[in-house]
Amino acid sequence: MESSFKERIDNLIEEHKIVLFMKGYKHQPMCGFSARVVSLLNEMGVDYHTENIFDDPDLRSGMKEYSSWPTFPQLYVDKEFVGGCDIVTGMFQSGDLHKLLNVEKEEVPLPSITITEAAVHAFKAALQRYDGEIHLEISPQFQYDIGVAPASPNDYAVESNGFTIYMNQSTAKRADGMTIDFQSGGGVVIDNPNEPTSVRQINVRDLRHWMDIKKDFVLFDVRGQDERAIAKIEEAILFTEEELDALDKNRTIVFHCHHGMRSQRAALVAIEKGFRQVYNVQGGIHAWSQYIDPEVKIY
């Protein structure tokens, strides 16, 4: 290792208490392992410095020799190498990382969740093919990952409907009250009340299915009367804010327009008014004409 490179890294970890050498940037990780360590540090609320190894080939190759560690990310605290993703994750779950960074470990109670019969059946089928336990992970951005892996001593074991699912503390913090279901052809379906409300997207085939099973929802057409005179979905009603305000905030509401852009804006208005089950039809009535009802005129 060149002395100039070693001096550069020595100065870097001297200048910053916490340094993470990673793939990508703090606000844009470019691999799952780097993203996980970033999310853990963010959750702890500590100030840390990152270096993107993709920006500097010398950094990417030289750090492996400097730390005697072959993979990334690499975390340094107080000039000492801590480890990679698995080590940092384990330390976070055990509380050792909190002690190292002088951060009080938050006590998170065991969450209460609901796993439906259909989901239990799907999970048991997966466990017949793979060794391990069903693990759930929820990122700070409420992205979900369910897979099979060995249970860790620090995992939360959460039981529902006679089945146990495992999760780390960060996930347990975001999981209370959630429901896990499984739909044939649609996979795992998660309803999590902790997730920030956002506009959900629905395709025209699923919208047709909702109509067929007589699901309780309101379909608003945000276009003007001139466009509705050309083509319309019979079940849709003309959108007005008065009609919206008259609805219960717990109603499921679906918006459509010509291609999906105006309806997205209207759906955001519903979110601002406090509605939680808000959907936008992808592709609008144009997609409906193409894939569901060719008698509805394309314009």
C-alpha atoms as a PDB file:
ATOM      1  CA  MET A   1       0.000   0.000   0.000  1.00  0.00           C
ATOM      2  CA  GLU A   2       1.329   3.397  -0.971  1.00  0.00           C
ATOM      3  CA  SER A   3       2.097   5.644   1.986  1.00  0.00           C
ATOM      4  CA  SER A   4       0.154   8.500   0.389  1.00  0.00           C
ATOM      5  CA  PHE A   5      -3.035   6.417   0.284  1.00  0.00           C
ATOM      6  CA  LYS A   6      -2.604   5.261   3.871  1.00  0.00           C
ATOM      7  CA  GLU A   7      -2.052   8.836   4.981  1.00  0.00           C
ATOM      8  CA  ARG A   8      -5.182   9.926   3.131  1.00  0.00           C
ATOM      9  CA  ILE A   9      -7.358   7.342   4.903  1.00  0.00           C
ATOM     10  CA  ASP A  10      -5.673   7.993   8.245  1.00  0.00           C
ATOM     11  CA  ASN A  11      -6.554  11.666   7.916  1.00  0.00           C
ATOM     12  CA  LEU A  12     -10.110  10.862   6.841  1.00  0.00           C
ATOM     13  CA  ILE A  13     -10.937   8.652   9.822  1.00  0.00           C
ATOM     14  CA  GLU A  14      -9.117  11.087  12.105  1.00  0.00           C
ATOM     15  CA  GLU A  15     -11.281  13.957  10.892  1.00  0.00           C
ATOM     16  CA  HIS A  16     -14.628  12.119  11.263  1.00  0.00           C
ATOM     17  CA  LYS A  17     -15.766  10.066  14.247  1.00  0.00           C
ATOM     18  CA  ILE A  18     -17.871   7.748  12.046  1.00  0.00           C
ATOM     19  CA  VAL A  19     -16.909   6.943   8.460  1.00  0.00           C
ATOM     20  CA  LEU A  20     -18.743   4.544   6.167  1.00  0.00           C
ATOM     21  CA  PHE A  21     -16.998   3.379   2.999  1.00  0.00           C
ATOM     22  CA  MET A  22     -19.878   2.261   0.809  1.00  0.00           C
ATOM     23  CA  LYS A  23     -21.264   1.676  -2.650  1.00  0.00           C
ATOM     24  CA  GLY A  24     -23.130   4.842  -3.531  1.00  0.00           C
ATOM     25  CA  TYR A  25     -24.033   7.841  -1.444  1.00  0.00           C
ATOM     26  CA  LYS A  26     -25.736   8.370   1.899  1.00  0.00           C
ATOM     27  CA  HIS A  27     -28.915   9.478   0.153  1.00  0.00           C
ATOM     28  CA  GLN A  28     -28.565   7.025  -2.736  1.00  0.00           C
ATOM     29  CA  PRO A  29     -27.008   3.671  -1.760  1.00  0.00           C
ATOM     30  CA  MET A  30     -26.108   1.491  -4.731  1.00  0.00           C
ATOM     31  CA  CYS A  31     -26.297  -1.920  -3.062  1.00  0.00           C
ATOM     32  CA  GLY A  32     -28.567  -3.535  -0.505  1.00  0.00           C
ATOM     33  CA  PHE A  33     -25.817  -4.047   2.070  1.00  0.00           C
ATOM     34  CA  SER A  34     -24.778  -0.399   1.996  1.00  0.00           C
ATOM     35  CA  ALA A  35     -28.433   0.639   2.169  1.00  0.00           C
ATOM     36  CA  ARG A  36     -28.956  -1.460   5.287  1.00  0.00           C
ATOM     37  CA  VAL A  37     -26.031   0.053   7.198  1.00  0.00           C
ATOM     38  CA  VAL A  38     -27.106   3.552   6.143  1.00  0.00           C
ATOM     39  CA  SER A  39     -30.640   2.873   7.405  1.00  0.00           C
ATOM     40  CA  LEU A  40     -29.315   1.651  10.768  1.00  0.00           C
ATOM     41  CA  LEU A  41     -27.108   4.704  11.251  1.00  0.00           C
ATOM     42  CA  ASN A  42     -29.954   6.985  10.214  1.00  0.00           C
ATOM     43  CA  GLU A  43     -32.286   5.299  12.653  1.00  0.00           C
ATOM     44  CA  MET A  44     -29.827   5.902  15.470  1.00  0.00           C
ATOM     45  CA  GLY A  45     -29.696   9.591  14.563  1.00  0.00           C
ATOM     46  CA  VAL A  46     -25.903   9.836  14.515  1.00  0.00           C
ATOM     47  CA  ASP A  47     -23.817  12.124  12.331  1.00  0.00           C
ATOM     48  CA  TYR A  48     -21.557  10.198   9.971  1.00  0.00           C
ATOM     49  CA  HIS A  49     -19.421  10.701   6.881  1.00  0.00           C
ATOM     50  CA  THR A  50     -19.579   8.492   3.778  1.00  0.00           C
ATOM     51  CA  GLU A  51     -17.181   7.789   0.934  1.00  0.00           C
ATOM     52  CA  ASN A  52     -18.445   6.315  -2.339  1.00  0.00           C
ATOM     53  CA  ILE A  53     -15.960   3.686  -3.528  1.00  0.00           C
ATOM     54  CA  PHE A  54     -17.395   3.923  -7.062  1.00  0.00           C
ATOM     55  CA  ASP A  55     -16.074   7.483  -7.304  1.00  0.00           C
ATOM     56  CA  ASP A  56     -12.464   6.387  -6.834  1.00  0.00           C
ATOM     57  CA  PRO A  57     -11.009   3.061  -8.112  1.00  0.00           C
ATOM     58  CA  ASP A  58      -8.001   3.508  -5.821  1.00  0.00           C
ATOM     59  CA  LEU A  59     -10.329   3.750  -2.845  1.00  0.00           C
ATOM     60  CA  ARG A  60     -12.192   0.617  -3.874  1.00  0.00           C
ATOM     61  CA  SER A  61      -9.061  -1.484  -4.144  1.00  0.00           C
ATOM     62  CA  GLY A  62      -6.960   0.208  -1.477  1.00  0.00           C
ATOM     63  CA  MET A  63      -9.536  -0.041   1.327  1.00  0.00           C
ATOM     64  CA  LYS A  64      -9.556  -3.821   1.065  1.00  0.00           C
ATOM     65  CA  GLU A  65      -5.883  -3.855   1.967  1.00  0.00           C
ATOM     66  CA  TYR A  66      -6.155  -1.031   4.479  1.00  0.00           C
ATOM     67  CA  SER A  67      -8.841  -2.793   6.526  1.00  0.00           C
ATOM     68  CA  SER A  68      -7.970  -6.385   5.576  1.00  0.00           C
ATOM     69  CA  TRP A  69     -11.638  -6.753   4.710  1.00  0.00           C
ATOM     70  CA  PRO A  70     -12.674  -7.843   1.179  1.00  0.00           C
ATOM     71  CA  THR A  71     -16.206  -6.433   0.877  1.00  0.00           C
ATOM     72  CA  PHE A  72     -18.197  -3.228   1.280  1.00  0.00           C
ATOM     73  CA  PRO A  73     -19.581  -1.408   3.151  1.00  0.00           C
ATOM     74  CA  GLN A  74     -16.883  -0.886   5.779  1.00  0.00           C
ATOM     75  CA  LEU A  75     -17.645   1.054   8.956  1.00  0.00           C
ATOM     76  CA  TYR A  76     -15.033   2.909  11.022  1.00  0.00           C
ATOM     77  CA  VAL A  77     -15.717   4.428  14.439  1.00  0.00           C
ATOM     78  CA  ASP A  78     -13.095   6.419  16.376  1.00  0.00           C
ATOM     79  CA  LYS A  79     -10.449   5.366  13.835  1.00  0.00           C
ATOM     80  CA  GLU A  80     -11.182   1.667  14.454  1.00  0.00           C
ATOM     81  CA  PHE A  81     -12.582  -0.712  11.869  1.00  0.00           C
ATOM     82  CA  VAL A  82     -15.941  -2.094  13.078  1.00  0.00           C
ATOM     83  CA  GLY A  83     -16.960  -4.425  10.249  1.00  0.00           C
ATOM     84  CA  GLY A  84     -19.248  -4.939   7.307  1.00  0.00           C
ATOM     85  CA  CYS A  85     -23.011  -5.208   6.948  1.00  0.00           C
ATOM     86  CA  ASP A  86     -23.578  -8.462   8.861  1.00  0.00           C
ATOM     87  CA  ILE A  87     -21.400  -7.421  11.788  1.00  0.00           C
ATOM     88  CA  VAL A  88     -22.932  -3.958  12.018  1.00  0.00           C
ATOM     89  CA  THR A  89     -26.454  -5.410  11.796  1.00  0.00           C
ATOM     90  CA  GLY A  90     -25.706  -7.905  14.568  1.00  0.00           C
ATOM     91  CA  MET A  91     -24.244  -5.170  16.758  1.00  0.00           C
ATOM     92  CA  PHE A  92     -27.298  -3.011  16.186  1.00  0.00           C
ATOM     93  CA  GLN A  93     -29.675  -5.801  17.181  1.00  0.00           C
ATOM     94  CA  SER A  94     -27.682  -6.705  20.300  1.00  0.00           C
ATOM     95  CA  GLY A  95     -27.234  -3.089  21.382  1.00  0.00           C
ATOM     96  CA  ASP A  96     -23.439  -3.169  21.069  1.00  0.00           C
ATOM     97  CA  LEU A  97     -23.496  -0.571  18.301  1.00  0.00           C
ATOM     98  CA  HIS A  98     -25.519   1.751  20.510  1.00  0.00           C
ATOM     99  CA  LYS A  99     -22.938   1.412  23.264  1.00  0.00           C
ATOM    100  CA  LEU A 100     -20.112   2.053  20.819  1.00  0.00           C
ATOM    101  CA  LEU A 101     -21.791   5.201  19.513  1.00  0.00           C
ATOM    102  CA  ASN A 102     -23.071   6.274  22.942  1.00  0.00           C
ATOM    103  CA  VAL A 103     -26.710   6.151  21.815  1.00  0.00           C
ATOM    104  CA  GLU A 104     -29.465   4.918  24.107  1.00  0.00           C
ATOM    105  CA  LYS A 105     -31.068   1.758  22.714  1.00  0.00           C
ATOM    106  CA  GLU A 106     -34.796   2.176  22.200  1.00  0.00           C
ATOM    107  CA  GLU A 107     -36.982  -0.460  23.824  1.00  0.00           C
ATOM    108  CA  VAL A 108     -39.505  -1.712  21.292  1.00  0.00           C
ATOM    109  CA  PRO A 109     -42.362  -3.948  22.530  1.00  0.00           C
ATOM    110  CA  LEU A 110     -43.361  -7.109  20.697  1.00  0.00           C
ATOM    111  CA  PRO A 111     -45.733  -5.989  17.928  1.00  0.00           C
ATOM    112  CA  SER A 112     -49.172  -7.466  17.348  1.00  0.00           C
ATOM    113  CA  ILE A 113     -49.775  -8.529  13.747  1.00  0.00           C
ATOM    114  CA  THR A 114     -52.309 -10.609  11.829  1.00  0.00           C
ATOM    115  CA  ILE A 115     -51.242 -13.367   9.432  1.00  0.00           C
ATOM    116  CA  THR A 116     -54.182 -14.736   7.436  1.00  0.00           C
ATOM    117  CA  GLU A 117     -54.798 -18.424   6.754  1.00  0.00           C
ATOM    118  CA  ALA A 118     -53.804 -17.910   3.120  1.00  0.00           C
ATOM    119  CA  ALA A 119     -50.487 -16.335   4.113  1.00  0.00           C
ATOM    120  CA  VAL A 120     -49.766 -19.089   6.664  1.00  0.00           C
ATOM    121  CA  HIS A 121     -50.373 -21.704   3.979  1.00  0.00           C
ATOM    122  CA  ALA A 122     -48.016 -19.918   1.553  1.00  0.00           C
ATOM    123  CA  PHE A 123     -45.300 -19.505   4.195  1.00  0.00           C
ATOM    124  CA  LYS A 124     -45.487 -23.174   5.237  1.00  0.00           C
ATOM    125  CA  ALA A 125     -45.154 -24.190   1.594  1.00  0.00           C
ATOM    126  CA  ALA A 126     -42.016 -22.033   1.301  1.00  0.00           C
ATOM    127  CA  LEU A 127     -40.510 -23.637   4.418  1.00  0.00           C
ATOM    128  CA  GLN A 128     -40.941 -27.071   2.851  1.00  0.00           C
ATOM    129  CA  ARG A 129     -38.585 -26.008   0.071  1.00  0.00           C
ATOM    130  CA  TYR A 130     -36.035 -23.982   2.059  1.00  0.00           C
ATOM    131  CA  ASP A 131     -34.379 -24.322   5.456  1.00  0.00           C
ATOM    132  CA  GLY A 132     -34.880 -21.555   7.971  1.00  0.00           C
ATOM    133  CA  GLU A 133     -37.679 -19.324   9.217  1.00  0.00           C
ATOM    134  CA  ILE A 134     -39.882 -16.690   7.586  1.00  0.00           C
ATOM    135  CA  HIS A 135     -38.321 -13.268   8.107  1.00  0.00           C
ATOM    136  CA  LEU A 136     -39.951  -9.899   7.562  1.00  0.00           C
ATOM    137  CA  GLU A 137     -38.012  -6.684   7.090  1.00  0.00           C
ATOM    138  CA  ILE A 138     -39.504  -3.202   6.795  1.00  0.00           C
ATOM    139  CA  SER A 139     -37.146  -0.414   5.730  1.00  0.00           C
ATOM    140  CA  PRO A 140     -37.458   3.179   7.008  1.00  0.00           C
ATOM    141  CA  GLN A 141     -39.109   3.957   3.641  1.00  0.00           C
ATOM    142  CA  PHE A 142     -41.621   1.130   4.284  1.00  0.00           C
ATOM    143  CA  GLN A 143     -40.258  -1.151   1.629  1.00  0.00           C
ATOM    144  CA  TYR A 144     -41.014  -4.781   2.483  1.00  0.00           C
ATOM    145  CA  ASP A 145     -38.836  -7.871   2.188  1.00  0.00           C
ATOM    146  CA  ILE A 146     -40.054 -11.351   3.179  1.00  0.00           C
ATOM    147  CA  GLY A 147     -37.743 -14.332   2.867  1.00  0.00           C
ATOM    148  CA  VAL A 148     -36.413 -17.476   4.495  1.00  0.00           C
ATOM    149  CA  ALA A 149     -33.338 -17.294   6.739  1.00  0.00           C
ATOM    150  CA  PRO A 150     -32.068 -18.760  10.030  1.00  0.00           C
ATOM    151  CA  ALA A 151     -33.457 -17.142  13.166  1.00  0.00           C
ATOM    152  CA  SER A 152     -31.139 -14.834  15.096  1.00  0.00           C
ATOM    153  CA  PRO A 153     -31.013 -14.712  18.927  1.00  0.00           C
ATOM    154  CA  ASN A 154     -31.913 -11.023  18.760  1.00  0.00           C
ATOM    155  CA  ASP A 155     -34.892 -11.459  16.443  1.00  0.00           C
ATOM    156  CA  TYR A 156     -38.434 -10.722  17.537  1.00  0.00           C
ATOM    157  CA  ALA A 157     -40.558 -13.884  17.239  1.00  0.00           C
ATOM    158  CA  VAL A 158     -44.115 -12.732  16.507  1.00  0.00           C
ATOM    159  CA  GLU A 159     -46.934 -15.278  16.455  1.00  0.00           C
ATOM    160  CA  SER A 160     -50.271 -15.064  14.705  1.00  0.00           C
ATOM    161  CA  ASN A 161     -52.742 -17.729  13.629  1.00  0.00           C
ATOM    162  CA  GLY A 162     -50.455 -20.457  14.974  1.00  0.00           C
ATOM    163  CA  PHE A 163     -47.507 -19.319  12.845  1.00  0.00           C
ATOM    164  CA  THR A 164     -44.348 -17.473  13.908  1.00  0.00           C
ATOM    165  CA  ILE A 165     -42.625 -14.849  11.787  1.00  0.00           C
ATOM    166  CA  TYR A 166     -39.269 -13.305  12.701  1.00  0.00           C
ATOM    167  CA  MET A 167     -38.132  -9.702  12.439  1.00  0.00           C
ATOM    168  CA  ASN A 168     -35.432  -7.380  13.755  1.00  0.00           C
ATOM    169  CA  GLN A 169     -36.054  -4.524  16.160  1.00  0.00           C
ATOM    170  CA  SER A 170     -36.268  -1.878  13.432  1.00  0.00           C
ATOM    171  CA  THR A 171     -39.007  -3.848  11.701  1.00  0.00           C
ATOM    172  CA  ALA A 172     -40.865  -4.535  14.944  1.00  0.00           C
ATOM    173  CA  LYS A 173     -40.995  -0.776  15.488  1.00  0.00           C
ATOM    174  CA  ARG A 174     -42.935  -0.373  12.212  1.00  0.00           C
ATOM    175  CA  ALA A 175     -45.058  -3.545  12.275  1.00  0.00           C
ATOM    176  CA  ASP A 176     -47.618  -3.177  15.069  1.00  0.00           C
ATOM    177  CA  GLY A 177     -51.167  -3.609  13.787  1.00  0.00           C
ATOM    178  CA  MET A 178     -50.214  -4.798  10.313  1.00  0.00           C
ATOM    179  CA  THR A 179     -51.938  -7.602   8.390  1.00  0.00           C
ATOM    180  CA  ILE A 180     -50.135 -10.038   6.076  1.00  0.00           C
ATOM    181  CA  ASP A 181     -52.295 -11.767   3.470  1.00  0.00           C
ATOM    182  CA  PHE A 182     -51.613 -13.853   0.374  1.00  0.00           C
ATOM    183  CA  GLN A 183     -53.585 -13.703  -2.861  1.00  0.00           C
ATOM    184  CA  SER A 184     -53.242 -16.282  -5.606  1.00  0.00           C
ATOM    185  CA  GLY A 185     -51.602 -14.621  -8.568  1.00  0.00           C
ATOM    186  CA  GLY A 186     -50.878 -11.492  -6.545  1.00  0.00           C
ATOM    187  CA  GLY A 187     -48.467 -12.773  -3.918  1.00  0.00           C
ATOM    188  CA  VAL A 188     -48.052 -11.350  -0.433  1.00  0.00           C
ATOM    189  CA  VAL A 189     -50.316  -8.393   0.369  1.00  0.00           C
ATOM    190  CA  ILE A 190     -49.468  -6.169   3.338  1.00  0.00           C
ATOM    191  CA  ASP A 191     -51.728  -3.660   5.046  1.00  0.00           C
ATOM    192  CA  ASN A 192     -49.691  -1.610   7.512  1.00  0.00           C
ATOM    193  CA  PRO A 193     -51.371   1.254   9.412  1.00  0.00           C
ATOM    194  CA  ASN A 194     -47.936   2.644  10.324  1.00  0.00           C
ATOM    195  CA  GLU A 195     -47.089   3.327   6.697  1.00  0.00           C
ATOM    196  CA  PRO A 196     -47.366   6.989   5.707  1.00  0.00           C
ATOM    197  CA  THR A 197     -50.433   7.534   3.566  1.00  0.00           C
ATOM    198  CA  SER A 198     -49.694   7.758  -0.136  1.00  0.00           C
ATOM    199  CA  VAL A 199     -51.566   7.362  -3.401  1.00  0.00           C
ATOM    200  CA  ARG A 200     -51.650   3.738  -4.450  1.00  0.00           C
ATOM    201  CA  GLN A 201     -51.723   2.679  -8.080  1.00  0.00           C
ATOM    202  CA  ILE A 202     -54.262   0.228  -9.487  1.00  0.00           C
ATOM    203  CA  ASN A 203     -54.291  -1.229 -12.983  1.00  0.00           C
ATOM    204  CA  VAL A 204     -57.487  -1.529 -15.015  1.00  0.00           C
ATOM    205  CA  ARG A 205     -57.647  -5.325 -14.696  1.00  0.00           C
ATOM    206  CA  ASP A 206     -57.680  -5.103 -10.896  1.00  0.00           C
ATOM    207  CA  LEU A 207     -60.242  -2.310 -11.107  1.00  0.00           C
ATOM    208  CA  ARG A 208     -62.490  -4.560 -13.232  1.00  0.00           C
ATOM    209  CA  HIS A 209     -62.031  -7.339 -10.661  1.00  0.00           C
ATOM    210  CA  TRP A 210     -63.083  -4.999  -7.854  1.00  0.00           C
ATOM    211  CA  MET A 211     -66.240  -4.213  -9.790  1.00  0.00           C
ATOM    212  CA  ASP A 212     -66.945  -7.901 -10.433  1.00  0.00           C
ATOM    213  CA  ILE A 213     -66.689  -8.823  -6.745  1.00  0.00           C
ATOM    214  CA  LYS A 214     -68.673  -5.712  -5.797  1.00  0.00           C
ATOM    215  CA  LYS A 215     -65.957  -4.283  -3.599  1.00  0.00           C
ATOM    216  CA  ASP A 216     -67.090  -1.186  -1.703  1.00  0.00           C
ATOM    217  CA  PHE A 217     -65.365   1.805  -3.299  1.00  0.00           C
ATOM    218  CA  VAL A 218     -66.107   5.081  -5.060  1.00  0.00           C
ATOM    219  CA  LEU A 219     -64.764   5.649  -8.582  1.00  0.00           C
ATOM    220  CA  PHE A 220     -64.306   9.307  -9.490  1.00  0.00           C
ATOM    221  CA  ASP A 221     -63.784  10.592 -13.024  1.00  0.00           C
ATOM    222  CA  VAL A 222     -61.810  13.851 -12.799  1.00  0.00           C
ATOM    223  CA  ARG A 223     -62.296  14.785 -16.464  1.00  0.00           C
ATOM    224  CA  GLY A 224     -64.777  17.423 -17.607  1.00  0.00           C
ATOM    225  CA  GLN A 225     -68.193  16.780 -19.081  1.00  0.00           C
ATOM    226  CA  ASP A 226     -66.830  17.336 -22.600  1.00  0.00           C
ATOM    227  CA  GLU A 227     -64.481  14.341 -22.314  1.00  0.00           C
ATOM    228  CA  ARG A 228     -67.076  12.227 -20.516  1.00  0.00           C
ATOM    229  CA  ALA A 229     -69.388  12.811 -23.477  1.00  0.00           C
ATOM    230  CA  ILE A 230     -66.771  11.149 -25.707  1.00  0.00           C
ATOM    231  CA  ALA A 231     -65.994   8.153 -23.504  1.00  0.00           C
ATOM    232  CA  LYS A 232     -66.695   7.111 -19.937  1.00  0.00           C
ATOM    233  CA  ILE A 233     -66.704   4.212 -17.509  1.00  0.00           C
ATOM    234  CA  GLU A 234     -70.336   3.790 -16.527  1.00  0.00           C
ATOM    235  CA  GLU A 235     -69.554   3.150 -12.856  1.00  0.00           C
ATOM    236  CA  ALA A 236     -67.548   6.373 -12.512  1.00  0.00           C
ATOM    237  CA  ILE A 237     -69.096   9.566 -11.173  1.00  0.00           C
ATOM    238  CA  LEU A 238     -67.990  13.104 -11.959  1.00  0.00           C
ATOM    239  CA  PHE A 239     -65.483  14.303  -9.382  1.00  0.00           C
ATOM    240  CA  THR A 240     -66.196  17.396  -7.328  1.00  0.00           C
ATOM    241  CA  GLU A 241     -64.682  18.367  -3.985  1.00  0.00           C
ATOM    242  CA  GLU A 242     -68.213  18.552  -2.573  1.00  0.00           C
ATOM    243  CA  GLU A 243     -68.774  14.881  -3.455  1.00  0.00           C
ATOM    244  CA  LEU A 244     -65.412  14.000  -1.904  1.00  0.00           C
ATOM    245  CA  ASP A 245     -66.052  15.946   1.304  1.00  0.00           C
ATOM    246  CA  ALA A 246     -69.354  14.133   1.788  1.00  0.00           C
ATOM    247  CA  LEU A 247     -67.597  10.755   2.050  1.00  0.00           C
ATOM    248  CA  ASP A 248     -66.353   9.025   5.187  1.00  0.00           C
ATOM    249  CA  LYS A 249     -62.558   9.280   5.453  1.00  0.00           C
ATOM    250  CA  ASN A 250     -62.363   5.472   5.697  1.00  0.00           C
ATOM    251  CA  ARG A 251     -63.979   4.882   2.289  1.00  0.00           C
ATOM    252  CA  THR A 252     -61.863   3.474  -0.508  1.00  0.00           C
ATOM    253  CA  ILE A 253     -61.620   6.030  -3.319  1.00  0.00           C
ATOM    254  CA  VAL A 254     -60.353   5.500  -6.865  1.00  0.00           C
ATOM    255  CA  PHE A 255     -59.619   8.310  -9.337  1.00  0.00           C
ATOM    256  CA  HIS A 256     -59.279   8.102 -13.104  1.00  0.00           C
ATOM    257  CA  CYS A 257     -58.763  10.562 -15.954  1.00  0.00           C
ATOM    258  CA  HIS A 258     -57.595  10.221 -19.575  1.00  0.00           C
ATOM    259  CA  HIS A 259     -54.085   8.841 -18.965  1.00  0.00           C
ATOM    260  CA  GLY A 260     -53.585   8.986 -15.187  1.00  0.00           C
ATOM    261  CA  MET A 261     -51.895  12.334 -14.524  1.00  0.00           C
ATOM    262  CA  ARG A 262     -54.845  14.573 -13.596  1.00  0.00           C
ATOM    263  CA  SER A 263     -56.289  11.799 -11.450  1.00  0.00           C
ATOM    264  CA  GLN A 264     -52.992  11.491  -9.590  1.00  0.00           C
ATOM    265  CA  ARG A 265     -53.222  15.170  -8.643  1.00  0.00           C
ATOM    266  CA  ALA A 266     -56.822  14.724  -7.496  1.00  0.00           C
ATOM    267  CA  ALA A 267     -55.812  11.693  -5.440  1.00  0.00           C
ATOM    268  CA  LEU A 268     -53.195  13.814  -3.666  1.00  0.00           C
ATOM    269  CA  VAL A 269     -55.949  16.272  -2.729  1.00  0.00           C
ATOM    270  CA  ALA A 270     -57.844  13.381  -1.105  1.00  0.00           C
ATOM    271  CA  ILE A 271     -54.734  12.420   0.852  1.00  0.00           C
ATOM    272  CA  GLU A 272     -54.420  15.994   2.112  1.00  0.00           C
ATOM    273  CA  LYS A 273     -58.044  15.864   3.254  1.00  0.00           C
ATOM    274  CA  GLY A 274     -57.338  12.809   5.404  1.00  0.00           C
ATOM    275  CA  PHE A 275     -58.438   9.890   3.227  1.00  0.00           C
ATOM    276  CA  ARG A 276     -56.210   6.807   3.656  1.00  0.00           C
ATOM    277  CA  GLN A 277     -57.416   4.331   1.018  1.00  0.00           C
ATOM    278  CA  VAL A 278     -56.756   6.330  -2.146  1.00  0.00           C
ATOM    279  CA  TYR A 279     -56.003   4.842  -5.571  1.00  0.00           C
ATOM    280  CA  ASN A 280     -55.118   6.173  -9.011  1.00  0.00           C
ATOM    281  CA  VAL A 281     -55.965   4.200 -12.172  1.00  0.00           C
ATOM    282  CA  GLN A 282     -52.790   3.580 -14.155  1.00  0.00           C
ATOM    283  CA  GLY A 283     -53.229   4.603 -17.774  1.00  0.00           C
ATOM    284  CA  GLY A 284     -56.681   6.073 -17.137  1.00  0.00           C
ATOM    285  CA  ILE A 285     -59.648   5.456 -19.407  1.00  0.00           C
ATOM    286  CA  HIS A 286     -57.246   4.974 -22.318  1.00  0.00           C
ATOM    287  CA  ALA A 287     -55.981   1.753 -20.695  1.00  0.00           C
ATOM    288  CA  TRP A 288     -59.565   0.770 -19.873  1.00  0.00           C
ATOM    289  CA  SER A 289     -60.448   1.011 -23.564  1.00  0.00           C
ATOM    290  CA  GLN A 290     -57.384  -0.968 -24.584  1.00  0.00           C
ATOM    291  CA  TYR A 291     -57.559  -3.829 -22.095  1.00  0.00           C
ATOM    292  CA  ILE A 292     -61.074  -4.005 -20.621  1.00  0.00           C
ATOM    293  CA  ASP A 293     -63.813  -2.524 -22.797  1.00  0.00           C
ATOM    294  CA  PRO A 294     -63.011  -1.878 -26.479  1.00  0.00           C
ATOM    295  CA  GLU A 295     -66.470  -0.323 -26.900  1.00  0.00           C
ATOM    296  CA  VAL A 296     -65.305   2.647 -24.873  1.00  0.00           C
ATOM    297  CA  LYS A 297     -63.982   5.046 -27.504  1.00  0.00           C
ATOM    298  CA  ILE A 298     -60.256   5.848 -27.591  1.00  0.00           C
ATOM    299  CA  TYR A 299     -59.615   9.529 -28.142  1.00  0.00           C
END
